[in-house]
N, C-alpha and C. Protein backbone atom coordinates (compact mmCIF):
# COMPACT_ATOMS: atom_id res chain seq x y z
N UNK A 1 24.14 4.12 11.51
CA UNK A 1 23.11 3.72 12.28
C UNK A 1 21.58 3.67 11.08
N UNK A 2 21.22 2.20 11.29
CA UNK A 2 19.65 2.33 10.86
C UNK A 2 18.57 2.89 11.11
N UNK A 3 17.65 3.84 10.12
CA UNK A 3 16.55 4.50 10.64
C UNK A 3 15.42 4.00 9.88
N UNK A 4 14.38 3.79 10.63
CA UNK A 4 13.76 3.11 10.46
C UNK A 4 12.39 4.77 9.51
N UNK A 5 11.59 4.59 8.47
CA UNK A 5 10.55 5.45 8.43
C UNK A 5 9.14 4.58 7.87
N UNK A 6 8.39 4.93 8.81
CA UNK A 6 7.05 4.26 8.81
C UNK A 6 6.04 5.03 7.81
N UNK A 7 5.34 4.18 6.52
CA UNK A 7 5.15 4.88 5.23
C UNK A 7 3.54 4.30 5.36
N UNK A 8 2.52 4.21 6.80
CA UNK A 8 1.53 3.44 6.57
C UNK A 8 0.72 4.52 7.78
N UNK A 9 -0.38 4.28 6.92
CA UNK A 9 -1.66 5.01 7.54
C UNK A 9 -1.82 4.42 8.82
N UNK A 10 -2.42 5.02 9.92
CA UNK A 10 -3.28 4.33 10.75
C UNK A 10 -4.55 3.88 10.83
N UNK A 11 -4.90 2.55 10.87
CA UNK A 11 -6.02 2.36 10.90
C UNK A 11 -7.11 2.56 12.14
N UNK A 12 -7.87 3.52 12.18
CA UNK A 12 -8.79 3.42 13.73
C UNK A 12 -10.05 3.23 12.85
N UNK A 13 -10.96 3.29 14.15
CA UNK A 13 -12.19 2.75 13.98
C UNK A 13 -13.16 4.20 13.00
N UNK A 14 -13.66 3.60 11.89
CA UNK A 14 -14.49 4.63 11.54
C UNK A 14 -13.53 5.40 9.82
N UNK A 15 -12.41 4.98 9.94
CA UNK A 15 -11.77 5.87 9.07
C UNK A 15 -12.01 5.82 7.67
N UNK A 16 -12.30 6.42 6.72
CA UNK A 16 -12.87 6.05 5.26
C UNK A 16 -11.56 5.91 4.93
N UNK A 17 -10.95 4.98 3.53
CA UNK A 17 -9.83 4.66 2.98
C UNK A 17 -10.15 4.95 1.56
N UNK A 18 -11.67 4.89 1.11
CA UNK A 18 -12.11 4.62 -0.24
C UNK A 18 -13.40 5.04 -0.59
N UNK A 19 -13.94 5.88 -0.68
CA UNK A 19 -15.03 6.97 -0.93
C UNK A 19 -16.32 5.08 -1.41
N UNK A 20 -17.32 5.17 -0.45
CA UNK A 20 -17.87 3.71 -1.46
C UNK A 20 -17.50 2.68 -0.52
N UNK A 21 -16.63 2.25 0.27
CA UNK A 21 -16.06 0.93 0.98
C UNK A 21 -16.44 1.30 2.38
N UNK A 22 -17.02 0.52 2.98
CA UNK A 22 -17.47 0.87 4.66
C UNK A 22 -16.13 1.24 5.42
N UNK A 23 -16.29 1.84 6.45
CA UNK A 23 -14.96 2.22 7.12
C UNK A 23 -14.68 0.73 8.40
N UNK A 24 -13.70 0.44 8.45
CA UNK A 24 -13.40 -0.76 10.03
C UNK A 24 -14.20 -0.19 11.19
N UNK A 25 -14.64 -0.97 11.31
CA UNK A 25 -15.50 -1.52 13.02
C UNK A 25 -14.37 -1.95 14.17
N UNK A 26 -14.29 -1.27 15.07
CA UNK A 26 -12.56 -2.33 16.14
C UNK A 26 -13.41 -1.94 17.60
N UNK A 27 -13.78 -3.07 18.01
CA UNK A 27 -13.99 -3.08 18.84
C UNK A 27 -13.43 -4.22 19.96
N UNK A 28 -14.19 -4.38 21.57
CA UNK A 28 -13.84 -5.63 21.94
C UNK A 28 -14.50 -6.55 21.39
N UNK A 29 -13.61 -8.01 21.40
CA UNK A 29 -14.02 -9.44 21.38
C UNK A 29 -14.30 -9.61 22.96
N UNK A 30 -13.12 -9.67 23.49
CA UNK A 30 -13.08 -9.96 25.17
C UNK A 30 -12.35 -8.64 25.79
N UNK A 31 -13.16 -7.75 26.74
CA UNK A 31 -12.28 -6.67 27.24
C UNK A 31 -11.69 -6.92 28.85
N UNK A 32 -11.04 -6.55 28.85
CA UNK A 32 -9.92 -6.91 30.17
C UNK A 32 -10.59 -6.83 31.22
N UNK A 33 -11.73 -6.44 31.31
CA UNK A 33 -12.47 -6.41 32.67
C UNK A 33 -13.59 -8.00 32.44
N UNK A 34 -13.95 -8.32 31.44
CA UNK A 34 -14.24 -9.65 31.32
C UNK A 34 -13.89 -10.83 31.48
N UNK A 35 -12.37 -10.60 30.90
CA UNK A 35 -11.07 -11.57 30.66
C UNK A 35 -11.21 -12.50 32.25
N UNK A 36 -11.61 -10.99 33.16
CA UNK A 36 -10.66 -11.61 34.65
C UNK A 36 -11.44 -12.85 35.37
N UNK A 37 -12.47 -13.19 34.96
CA UNK A 37 -12.72 -14.64 35.28
C UNK A 37 -12.67 -15.81 34.86
N UNK A 38 -11.64 -15.69 33.91
CA UNK A 38 -10.55 -16.45 33.34
C UNK A 38 -9.60 -17.14 33.59
N UNK A 39 -8.72 -16.03 34.42
CA UNK A 39 -7.54 -15.98 35.01
C UNK A 39 -7.26 -15.81 36.43
N UNK A 40 -6.04 -16.09 36.47
CA UNK A 40 -5.79 -15.76 38.14
C UNK A 40 -6.19 -14.19 38.68
N UNK A 41 -6.43 -13.95 39.78
CA UNK A 41 -6.09 -12.54 40.75
C UNK A 41 -4.90 -12.42 39.67
N UNK A 42 -5.75 -10.68 39.37
CA UNK A 42 -4.60 -9.72 38.98
C UNK A 42 -4.03 -9.71 37.24
N UNK A 43 -4.25 -10.97 36.80
CA UNK A 43 -4.21 -11.48 35.47
C UNK A 43 -5.52 -10.80 34.41
N UNK A 44 -5.37 -10.18 33.34
CA UNK A 44 -6.39 -10.23 32.16
C UNK A 44 -5.70 -9.97 31.12
N UNK A 45 -6.91 -10.18 30.08
CA UNK A 45 -6.06 -9.78 28.52
C UNK A 45 -7.45 -9.47 28.04
N UNK A 46 -6.88 -8.98 26.62
CA UNK A 46 -7.64 -7.80 25.71
C UNK A 46 -7.94 -8.67 24.02
N UNK A 47 -8.70 -9.09 23.86
CA UNK A 47 -8.81 -9.54 22.70
C UNK A 47 -9.79 -8.68 21.77
N UNK A 48 -9.17 -8.07 20.69
CA UNK A 48 -9.90 -7.38 19.87
C UNK A 48 -10.59 -7.60 18.90
N UNK A 49 -11.32 -7.27 18.24
CA UNK A 49 -12.59 -7.45 17.04
C UNK A 49 -11.86 -5.91 15.87
N UNK A 50 -12.24 -6.44 14.62
CA UNK A 50 -12.13 -5.42 13.90
C UNK A 50 -12.96 -6.12 12.57
N UNK A 51 -13.82 -5.82 12.09
CA UNK A 51 -14.71 -5.73 10.25
C UNK A 51 -14.00 -4.52 9.88
N UNK A 52 -13.92 -5.33 8.98
CA UNK A 52 -13.29 -4.46 7.52
C UNK A 52 -13.03 -5.09 6.03
N UNK A 53 -12.94 -4.34 5.20
CA UNK A 53 -12.95 -4.54 3.98
C UNK A 53 -11.34 -4.62 3.46
N UNK A 54 -11.06 -5.58 2.90
CA UNK A 54 -9.60 -5.68 2.30
C UNK A 54 -9.16 -4.53 2.07
N UNK A 55 -9.69 -3.85 1.58
CA UNK A 55 -9.13 -2.38 1.12
C UNK A 55 -8.91 -0.92 2.14
N UNK A 56 -8.44 -1.39 3.00
CA UNK A 56 -8.35 -0.58 4.19
C UNK A 56 -6.68 -0.05 4.59
N UNK A 57 -6.91 1.29 5.13
CA UNK A 57 -5.76 2.01 5.13
C UNK A 57 -4.74 2.11 4.13
N UNK A 58 -3.26 1.57 4.25
CA UNK A 58 -1.97 1.25 3.79
C UNK A 58 -2.29 -0.22 3.32
N UNK A 59 -2.43 -0.29 2.09
CA UNK A 59 -2.47 -1.49 1.75
C UNK A 59 -1.40 -2.19 0.18
N UNK A 60 -1.36 -3.74 -0.05
CA UNK A 60 -0.66 -3.96 -1.02
C UNK A 60 -1.99 -4.94 -1.72
N UNK A 61 -1.86 -4.80 -3.14
CA UNK A 61 -2.33 -5.67 -3.94
C UNK A 61 -1.82 -6.80 -4.45
N UNK A 62 -2.23 -7.97 -4.89
CA UNK A 62 -1.40 -9.11 -5.36
C UNK A 62 -2.17 -9.54 -6.80
N UNK A 63 -1.81 -9.89 -7.42
CA UNK A 63 -2.55 -10.54 -8.64
C UNK A 63 -3.87 -11.04 -8.86
N UNK A 64 -4.19 -11.68 -7.43
CA UNK A 64 -5.27 -12.14 -7.60
C UNK A 64 -6.39 -11.20 -7.38
N UNK A 65 -6.70 -9.79 -7.09
CA UNK A 65 -6.67 -8.82 -6.80
C UNK A 65 -7.56 -8.39 -7.89
N UNK A 66 -7.00 -8.46 -9.10
CA UNK A 66 -7.11 -8.52 -10.48
C UNK A 66 -7.67 -9.46 -11.76
N UNK A 67 -6.83 -10.41 -10.82
CA UNK A 67 -6.99 -11.76 -11.96
C UNK A 67 -7.71 -12.87 -11.29
N UNK A 68 -8.69 -13.49 -11.54
CA UNK A 68 -9.12 -14.67 -10.74
C UNK A 68 -7.77 -15.87 -10.98
N UNK A 69 -6.97 -15.82 -11.76
CA UNK A 69 -5.74 -16.89 -12.10
C UNK A 69 -4.72 -16.33 -11.33
N UNK A 70 -5.02 -15.51 -11.07
CA UNK A 70 -3.66 -14.61 -10.41
C UNK A 70 -3.36 -15.20 -9.02
N UNK A 71 -1.75 -14.87 -8.38
CA UNK A 71 -1.34 -15.43 -7.46
C UNK A 71 -2.16 -14.09 -6.35
N UNK A 72 -2.81 -15.12 -5.58
CA UNK A 72 -3.39 -14.66 -4.13
C UNK A 72 -2.25 -13.79 -2.79
N UNK A 73 -2.92 -13.40 -1.79
CA UNK A 73 -1.60 -13.16 -0.79
C UNK A 73 -0.69 -13.98 -0.26
N UNK A 74 -1.30 -15.29 -0.01
CA UNK A 74 -0.44 -16.48 0.07
C UNK A 74 0.49 -16.87 -0.81
N UNK A 75 0.58 -16.77 -1.48
CA UNK A 75 1.08 -17.30 -2.75
C UNK A 75 2.14 -16.46 -3.03
N UNK A 76 1.85 -15.26 -2.86
CA UNK A 76 3.17 -14.00 -2.94
C UNK A 76 4.69 -15.16 -1.95
N UNK A 77 5.87 -14.82 -2.99
CA UNK A 77 7.18 -14.69 -2.03
C UNK A 77 7.42 -13.50 -1.15
N UNK A 78 7.85 -13.91 -0.58
CA UNK A 78 8.26 -12.14 0.55
C UNK A 78 9.38 -12.06 -0.41
N UNK A 79 10.06 -12.18 -1.23
CA UNK A 79 10.90 -11.59 -1.79
C UNK A 79 10.56 -10.82 -2.23
N UNK A 80 8.76 -10.39 -2.81
CA UNK A 80 8.80 -9.66 -3.76
C UNK A 80 8.01 -8.37 -3.09
N UNK A 81 8.13 -8.59 -1.29
CA UNK A 81 7.65 -7.56 -0.69
C UNK A 81 8.40 -7.18 0.06
N UNK A 82 9.32 -7.81 0.84
CA UNK A 82 10.21 -7.26 1.78
C UNK A 82 11.68 -7.41 1.28
N UNK A 83 12.63 -6.59 2.23
CA UNK A 83 13.88 -6.33 1.86
C UNK A 83 14.55 -5.98 0.74
N UNK A 84 13.63 -5.49 -0.63
CA UNK A 84 13.73 -4.74 -1.77
C UNK A 84 14.66 -3.25 -1.41
N UNK A 85 15.16 -3.77 -2.51
CA UNK A 85 16.11 -1.78 -2.75
C UNK A 85 15.09 -0.91 -3.07
N UNK A 86 14.70 -0.42 -2.53
CA UNK A 86 14.03 1.29 -3.08
C UNK A 86 14.43 2.55 -3.76
N UNK A 87 13.63 2.75 -4.57
CA UNK A 87 14.01 3.95 -5.49
C UNK A 87 12.70 4.85 -5.61
N UNK A 88 13.07 6.34 -5.21
CA UNK A 88 11.88 7.25 -4.94
C UNK A 88 11.71 7.94 -6.35
N UNK A 89 10.81 8.30 -6.67
CA UNK A 89 10.43 9.22 -7.70
C UNK A 89 9.61 10.67 -7.38
N UNK A 90 9.98 11.32 -7.28
CA UNK A 90 9.15 12.78 -7.04
C UNK A 90 8.35 13.25 -8.25
N UNK A 91 7.33 13.13 -8.08
CA UNK A 91 6.06 13.62 -9.29
C UNK A 91 6.14 15.05 -8.83
N UNK A 92 5.51 15.89 -9.87
CA UNK A 92 5.37 17.65 -9.81
C UNK A 92 3.77 17.71 -8.93
N UNK A 93 4.44 18.34 -7.84
CA UNK A 93 3.00 18.66 -6.87
C UNK A 93 1.96 19.41 -7.85
N UNK A 94 0.88 18.72 -7.45
CA UNK A 94 -0.10 18.50 -8.05
C UNK A 94 -0.46 18.60 -9.92
N UNK A 95 0.07 17.80 -10.53
CA UNK A 95 0.62 17.10 -11.75
C UNK A 95 -0.84 15.69 -11.06
N UNK A 96 -1.68 15.44 -11.94
CA UNK A 96 -2.60 14.33 -11.91
C UNK A 96 -2.16 13.38 -12.94
N UNK A 97 -2.02 13.56 -13.92
CA UNK A 97 -1.12 12.39 -14.98
C UNK A 97 -0.02 12.27 -14.74
N UNK A 98 0.86 11.20 -14.10
CA UNK A 98 2.13 10.59 -14.43
C UNK A 98 2.45 9.70 -15.15
N UNK A 99 3.32 10.58 -16.03
CA UNK A 99 3.37 9.50 -17.42
C UNK A 99 4.66 8.84 -17.18
N UNK A 100 5.61 8.35 -18.37
CA UNK A 100 6.46 7.29 -18.47
C UNK A 100 7.80 7.99 -18.07
N UNK A 101 7.35 9.42 -18.61
CA UNK A 101 8.62 10.37 -18.72
C UNK A 101 9.25 10.19 -17.21
N UNK A 102 8.72 10.44 -16.27
CA UNK A 102 9.07 10.53 -14.71
C UNK A 102 10.49 9.48 -14.79
N UNK A 103 10.20 8.07 -15.13
CA UNK A 103 10.88 6.96 -14.64
C UNK A 103 12.37 6.68 -15.88
N UNK A 104 12.15 7.23 -16.64
CA UNK A 104 13.19 6.84 -17.77
C UNK A 104 14.47 7.28 -17.60
N UNK A 105 15.37 6.48 -17.75
CA UNK A 105 16.75 6.85 -17.16
C UNK A 105 17.15 6.41 -15.79
N UNK A 106 16.41 5.81 -15.17
CA UNK A 106 16.58 5.30 -13.73
C UNK A 106 16.80 3.99 -13.69
N UNK A 107 17.73 3.27 -13.04
CA UNK A 107 17.62 2.14 -12.91
C UNK A 107 16.68 1.18 -11.79
N UNK A 108 15.77 0.62 -12.47
CA UNK A 108 14.71 -0.07 -10.98
C UNK A 108 14.77 -1.17 -11.29
N UNK A 109 15.42 -1.92 -11.90
CA UNK A 109 15.23 -3.38 -12.12
C UNK A 109 15.42 -4.13 -10.69
N UNK A 110 14.37 -4.82 -10.43
CA UNK A 110 14.13 -5.39 -9.10
C UNK A 110 14.17 -4.73 -8.05
N UNK A 111 13.46 -3.63 -8.51
CA UNK A 111 13.58 -2.78 -6.86
C UNK A 111 11.85 -2.29 -6.74
N UNK A 112 11.91 -1.89 -5.72
CA UNK A 112 10.58 -1.03 -4.92
C UNK A 112 10.66 0.03 -5.40
N UNK A 113 9.61 0.56 -6.60
CA UNK A 113 9.36 2.18 -6.82
C UNK A 113 8.42 2.46 -6.33
N UNK A 114 8.70 3.76 -5.48
CA UNK A 114 7.83 4.45 -4.82
C UNK A 114 7.64 5.66 -5.49
N UNK A 115 6.24 6.14 -5.49
CA UNK A 115 5.47 7.36 -6.43
C UNK A 115 5.68 8.63 -4.98
N UNK A 116 6.27 9.85 -5.19
CA UNK A 116 5.63 10.55 -4.18
C UNK A 116 4.80 11.61 -4.92
N UNK A 117 3.93 11.70 -4.51
CA UNK A 117 2.62 13.06 -5.18
C UNK A 117 2.67 14.13 -4.11
N UNK A 118 2.55 13.34 -2.81
CA UNK A 118 2.19 14.54 -1.50
C UNK A 118 1.06 14.41 -1.21
N UNK A 119 -0.13 13.86 -1.72
CA UNK A 119 -1.63 13.08 -1.91
C UNK A 119 -1.59 12.95 -0.47
N UNK A 120 -0.91 12.01 0.19
CA UNK A 120 -1.10 11.70 1.51
C UNK A 120 -1.07 12.73 2.39
N UNK A 121 -1.12 14.29 2.28
CA UNK A 121 -1.23 14.98 3.23
C UNK A 121 -2.84 15.46 3.33
N UNK A 122 -3.60 14.88 2.10
CA UNK A 122 -4.92 14.86 2.20
C UNK A 122 -5.55 13.69 3.15
N UNK A 123 -5.25 13.02 3.72
CA UNK A 123 -6.08 11.88 4.00
C UNK A 123 -6.40 12.02 5.10
N UNK A 124 -7.61 11.74 5.09
CA UNK A 124 -8.98 11.63 6.28
C UNK A 124 -9.58 12.68 6.02
N UNK A 125 -9.42 13.88 4.85
CA UNK A 125 -10.14 14.82 4.04
C UNK A 125 -11.01 14.30 3.08
N UNK A 126 -11.80 15.50 2.62
CA UNK A 126 -12.92 15.16 1.35
C UNK A 126 -11.51 14.97 0.48
N UNK A 127 -10.86 15.92 0.55
CA UNK A 127 -10.38 16.15 -0.68
C UNK A 127 -9.13 15.08 -1.01
N UNK A 128 -8.99 14.04 -0.61
CA UNK A 128 -8.35 13.11 -0.62
C UNK A 128 -9.08 11.96 -1.58
N UNK A 129 -10.31 12.40 -1.84
CA UNK A 129 -11.28 11.31 -2.82
C UNK A 129 -11.50 12.26 -3.68
N UNK A 130 -11.19 13.57 -4.49
CA UNK A 130 -11.11 14.31 -5.60
C UNK A 130 -10.12 14.88 -6.18
N UNK A 131 -9.72 14.22 -7.42
CA UNK A 131 -8.93 14.31 -8.22
C UNK A 131 -7.46 13.93 -7.84
N UNK A 132 -7.55 13.10 -7.62
CA UNK A 132 -5.88 12.49 -7.09
C UNK A 132 -5.00 12.11 -8.32
N UNK A 133 -3.72 11.90 -8.36
CA UNK A 133 -2.73 11.66 -8.65
C UNK A 133 -2.53 10.01 -9.08
N UNK A 134 -2.58 9.78 -10.59
CA UNK A 134 -2.33 8.58 -10.81
C UNK A 134 -1.23 8.28 -11.83
N UNK A 135 -0.91 7.09 -12.02
CA UNK A 135 0.10 6.57 -13.39
C UNK A 135 -0.58 6.40 -14.32
N UNK A 136 0.09 6.77 -15.91
CA UNK A 136 -1.05 6.33 -16.47
C UNK A 136 -0.54 4.90 -17.31
N UNK A 137 -1.39 4.77 -18.43
CA UNK A 137 -1.05 3.48 -18.86
C UNK A 137 0.44 3.08 -19.57
N UNK A 138 0.84 4.08 -20.03
CA UNK A 138 2.18 4.08 -20.25
C UNK A 138 3.48 4.00 -19.74
N UNK A 139 3.26 4.76 -18.30
CA UNK A 139 4.26 4.79 -17.05
C UNK A 139 4.17 3.24 -16.74
N UNK A 140 2.89 2.41 -16.72
CA UNK A 140 3.01 1.54 -16.12
C UNK A 140 3.50 0.00 -17.20
N UNK A 141 3.21 0.26 -18.35
CA UNK A 141 3.99 -0.32 -19.58
C UNK A 141 5.71 -0.37 -19.18
N UNK A 142 6.33 0.94 -18.96
CA UNK A 142 7.73 1.46 -18.69
C UNK A 142 8.14 0.98 -17.77
N UNK A 143 7.41 0.54 -16.18
CA UNK A 143 7.82 0.06 -15.26
C UNK A 143 7.45 -1.18 -15.06
N UNK A 144 6.95 -2.18 -15.83
CA UNK A 144 6.70 -3.64 -15.85
C UNK A 144 8.16 -3.74 -16.98
N UNK A 145 8.17 -3.00 -18.06
CA UNK A 145 8.95 -3.48 -19.06
C UNK A 145 10.61 -3.69 -18.25
N UNK A 146 10.65 -2.25 -17.45
CA UNK A 146 11.98 -1.92 -16.65
C UNK A 146 12.59 -2.85 -15.83
N UNK A 147 11.41 -3.59 -15.54
CA UNK A 147 11.59 -4.52 -14.41
C UNK A 147 11.26 -4.61 -13.10
N UNK A 148 10.53 -3.65 -12.37
CA UNK A 148 10.51 -3.09 -11.68
C UNK A 148 9.75 -4.33 -10.68
N UNK A 149 10.20 -4.01 -9.37
CA UNK A 149 9.68 -5.48 -8.15
C UNK A 149 8.23 -5.21 -8.03
N UNK A 150 8.23 -4.18 -7.41
CA UNK A 150 7.27 -3.74 -6.48
C UNK A 150 7.12 -2.05 -7.19
N UNK A 151 5.43 -1.70 -7.33
CA UNK A 151 4.80 0.15 -7.32
C UNK A 151 4.20 0.52 -6.20
N UNK A 152 4.91 1.49 -5.61
CA UNK A 152 3.91 2.13 -4.44
C UNK A 152 3.72 3.46 -4.56
N UNK A 153 2.41 3.66 -4.53
CA UNK A 153 2.08 5.26 -4.55
C UNK A 153 1.44 5.69 -3.19
N UNK A 154 1.51 7.15 -3.27
CA UNK A 154 0.71 7.91 -2.02
C UNK A 154 -0.39 8.50 -2.16
N UNK A 155 -1.32 8.07 -2.87
CA UNK A 155 -2.47 8.60 -3.80
C UNK A 155 -3.06 7.51 -3.05
N UNK A 156 -4.70 7.93 -3.36
CA UNK A 156 -5.62 7.35 -3.66
C UNK A 156 -5.72 6.36 -3.91
N UNK A 157 -5.34 6.18 -5.02
CA UNK A 157 -5.41 5.09 -6.55
C UNK A 157 -4.51 5.20 -7.32
N UNK A 158 -3.82 4.20 -7.85
CA UNK A 158 -2.48 4.10 -8.60
C UNK A 158 -3.21 4.21 -10.09
N UNK A 159 -4.22 3.78 -10.28
CA UNK A 159 -5.27 3.84 -11.61
C UNK A 159 -6.01 5.39 -11.41
N UNK A 160 -6.43 6.11 -12.87
CA UNK A 160 -7.22 6.93 -12.93
C UNK A 160 -8.91 6.07 -12.78
N UNK A 161 -9.36 6.81 -11.87
CA UNK A 161 -10.55 6.02 -11.61
C UNK A 161 -12.18 6.94 -12.30
N UNK A 162 -11.62 7.88 -13.02
CA UNK A 162 -12.86 8.63 -13.89
C UNK A 162 -13.99 7.73 -14.50
N UNK A 163 -13.14 6.70 -14.81
CA UNK A 163 -13.65 5.61 -15.90
C UNK A 163 -14.01 4.10 -15.12
N UNK A 164 -14.34 3.20 -16.04
CA UNK A 164 -14.31 2.04 -15.59
C UNK A 164 -13.01 1.14 -16.03
N UNK A 165 -12.22 1.69 -16.69
CA UNK A 165 -11.01 0.77 -17.33
C UNK A 165 -10.30 0.90 -15.78
N UNK A 166 -8.95 0.00 -15.76
CA UNK A 166 -7.67 0.19 -14.58
C UNK A 166 -6.66 -0.49 -15.20
N UNK A 167 -5.82 0.32 -15.81
CA UNK A 167 -5.00 -0.02 -16.97
C UNK A 167 -3.53 -0.49 -16.44
N UNK A 168 -3.74 0.45 -14.88
CA UNK A 168 -1.99 0.32 -14.14
C UNK A 168 -2.26 -0.86 -13.49
N UNK A 169 -3.23 -1.06 -12.79
CA UNK A 169 -3.50 -2.72 -11.71
C UNK A 169 -3.43 -3.75 -13.25
N UNK A 170 -3.80 -3.73 -14.28
CA UNK A 170 -3.96 -4.79 -15.00
C UNK A 170 -2.38 -5.23 -15.74
N UNK A 171 -1.75 -4.04 -15.98
CA UNK A 171 -0.48 -3.96 -16.56
C UNK A 171 0.55 -4.77 -15.57
N UNK A 172 0.21 -4.18 -14.08
CA UNK A 172 1.52 -4.34 -13.40
C UNK A 172 1.06 -5.96 -12.78
N UNK A 173 -0.05 -5.58 -11.95
CA UNK A 173 -0.60 -7.30 -11.50
C UNK A 173 -0.52 -8.33 -12.68
N UNK A 174 -0.74 -8.50 -13.71
CA UNK A 174 -0.61 -9.08 -14.57
C UNK A 174 0.62 -9.86 -15.11
N UNK A 175 1.85 -9.22 -14.69
CA UNK A 175 3.07 -9.23 -14.56
C UNK A 175 3.45 -9.25 -13.45
N UNK A 176 2.79 -9.98 -12.61
CA UNK A 176 2.86 -9.97 -11.18
C UNK A 176 3.74 -9.12 -10.26
N UNK A 177 3.21 -8.19 -10.71
CA UNK A 177 4.15 -6.95 -9.79
C UNK A 177 3.07 -6.39 -8.64
N UNK A 178 3.51 -6.74 -7.54
CA UNK A 178 2.45 -6.26 -6.58
C UNK A 178 2.50 -4.82 -6.27
N UNK A 179 1.37 -3.87 -6.01
CA UNK A 179 1.32 -2.29 -6.54
C UNK A 179 0.69 -2.30 -4.30
N UNK A 180 1.68 -1.15 -3.92
CA UNK A 180 1.34 -0.72 -2.76
C UNK A 180 0.58 0.98 -2.91
N UNK A 181 -0.71 1.19 -2.62
CA UNK A 181 -1.66 2.07 -2.38
C UNK A 181 -1.20 2.57 -0.98
N UNK A 182 -1.84 3.98 -1.10
CA UNK A 182 -2.01 4.77 0.32
C UNK A 182 -0.95 4.74 0.82
N UNK A 183 0.09 5.01 0.56
CA UNK A 183 1.38 5.40 1.27
C UNK A 183 1.10 6.32 1.97
N UNK A 184 2.16 6.84 2.82
CA UNK A 184 2.49 8.26 3.35
C UNK A 184 4.13 8.59 3.69
N UNK A 185 4.37 9.63 4.31
CA UNK A 185 5.65 9.85 4.51
C UNK A 185 6.68 9.80 3.39
N UNK A 186 6.67 9.19 2.31
CA UNK A 186 7.52 9.33 1.38
C UNK A 186 8.54 10.26 1.01
N UNK A 187 7.87 11.53 1.15
CA UNK A 187 8.74 12.68 1.45
C UNK A 187 9.58 12.56 2.73
N UNK A 188 9.88 12.07 3.35
CA UNK A 188 10.72 11.88 4.79
C UNK A 188 12.03 10.86 3.84
N UNK A 189 12.03 10.19 3.28
CA UNK A 189 12.72 9.16 3.36
C UNK A 189 14.04 10.19 2.31
N UNK A 190 15.14 10.17 2.84
CA UNK A 190 16.50 10.82 2.17
C UNK A 190 16.79 10.13 1.08
N UNK A 191 17.62 11.26 0.22
CA UNK A 191 18.13 10.51 -0.96
C UNK A 191 19.19 9.60 -0.73
N UNK A 192 19.37 8.86 -1.76
CA UNK A 192 20.40 7.74 -1.34
C UNK A 192 19.39 6.24 -1.14
N UNK A 193 20.56 5.51 -1.46
CA UNK A 193 19.67 4.11 -0.76
C UNK A 193 18.87 3.61 0.00
N UNK A 194 17.93 2.94 -0.11
CA UNK A 194 16.88 2.38 1.60
C UNK A 194 16.27 1.15 0.59
N UNK A 195 15.72 0.29 1.71
CA UNK A 195 15.02 -1.08 1.52
C UNK A 195 13.81 -0.69 2.04
N UNK A 196 12.72 -1.16 1.03
CA UNK A 196 11.05 -1.22 1.79
C UNK A 196 10.76 -2.46 1.87
N UNK A 197 9.89 -2.43 2.63
CA UNK A 197 8.93 -3.50 3.40
C UNK A 197 7.47 -3.35 3.51
N UNK A 198 6.84 -4.51 2.56
CA UNK A 198 5.42 -4.31 3.15
C UNK A 198 4.85 -5.56 2.81
N UNK A 199 4.68 -6.44 4.15
CA UNK A 199 4.23 -7.81 3.67
C UNK A 199 2.99 -7.72 4.68
N UNK A 200 1.62 -8.32 4.00
CA UNK A 200 0.46 -8.63 4.50
C UNK A 200 0.27 -9.85 5.43
N UNK A 201 -0.59 -9.97 5.47
CA UNK A 201 -0.86 -10.78 6.17
C UNK A 201 -1.26 -12.56 4.93
N UNK A 202 -0.55 -13.47 5.58
CA UNK A 202 -0.62 -14.40 4.55
C UNK A 202 -2.01 -15.20 4.64
N UNK A 203 -3.10 -14.41 3.91
CA UNK A 203 -4.65 -15.05 3.68
C UNK A 203 -4.84 -15.82 2.12
N UNK A 204 -5.32 -17.14 2.24
CA UNK A 204 -5.52 -17.98 1.09
C UNK A 204 -6.43 -16.98 0.45
N UNK A 205 -7.12 -17.16 -0.42
CA UNK A 205 -8.20 -16.53 -1.63
C UNK A 205 -8.53 -14.93 -1.37
N UNK A 206 -7.46 -14.23 -1.25
CA UNK A 206 -7.59 -12.97 -0.66
C UNK A 206 -6.84 -12.21 -1.74
N UNK A 207 -7.35 -11.05 -2.55
CA UNK A 207 -5.98 -10.20 -3.02
C UNK A 207 -5.52 -9.12 -2.73
N UNK A 208 -6.27 -8.50 -1.35
CA UNK A 208 -5.40 -7.30 -1.02
C UNK A 208 -5.45 -7.55 0.72
N UNK A 209 -4.76 -6.76 1.03
CA UNK A 209 -4.32 -6.46 2.69
C UNK A 209 -3.72 -5.58 3.11
N UNK A 210 -4.40 -4.80 4.19
CA UNK A 210 -3.11 -3.87 4.87
C UNK A 210 -1.93 -4.22 5.21
N UNK A 211 -0.93 -3.72 5.35
CA UNK A 211 0.66 -3.71 5.66
C UNK A 211 0.91 -2.53 6.65
N UNK A 212 1.92 -3.04 7.04
CA UNK A 212 2.75 -2.18 7.69
C UNK A 212 3.72 -1.23 7.38
N UNK A 213 3.79 -0.50 6.30
CA UNK A 213 5.11 -0.25 5.28
C UNK A 213 5.87 0.64 5.79
N UNK A 214 7.08 -0.01 5.53
CA UNK A 214 8.46 0.95 6.43
C UNK A 214 9.56 0.99 5.04
N UNK A 215 10.61 2.04 5.50
CA UNK A 215 11.81 2.04 4.54
C UNK A 215 12.48 2.01 5.65
N UNK A 216 13.80 1.19 5.27
CA UNK A 216 15.02 0.98 6.22
C UNK A 216 15.94 2.23 5.76
N UNK A 217 16.45 2.97 6.27
CA UNK A 217 17.49 3.99 5.79
C UNK A 217 18.97 3.82 6.28
N UNK A 218 20.17 3.82 5.59
CA UNK A 218 21.43 3.92 6.37
C UNK A 218 21.98 2.26 6.35
């Protein structure tokens, strides 16, 4: 029997994903009450409205997020986002810098590489924004050279944000490898093979968009 594991945070009105970016505003565009005048007796519909930045909740970055001439969301092939064989690497709890040694010796070519740090436990708390775990440049270069198809992490950012450089985004997106950030529940995926899915909306001239990421086990 196949089992699905949701790897996405819930997007709610007012939730902060990344400090300094605005929270989403979720409201009615057409309420059920107001819609009743448009339809027959007993029939109503709801149309919601959401205002948000692209980097909200669990999302995928395409190369366009970093590079003006990179592929945007609409140009990413589905094969790079869904039905990917997945592999999980469990980082040492509390370790901030995650280097290439975590991945060496594993077969990751053509696979979605998910990095489990446990940081998602702090989602929607102040601690989530402070001293998060991240990949180092040598880790990104190793994943690129080893043929990773997608790289995801359950942390605030796949990069160190203490400075202005973003070497992991630059390395992976520069090689056409999508990045998934703010994942959750990675630790619930049992040992063994699984399929990873994380398709964003097909938006032109957009580099990032929320996804309903999930693992298919069994």
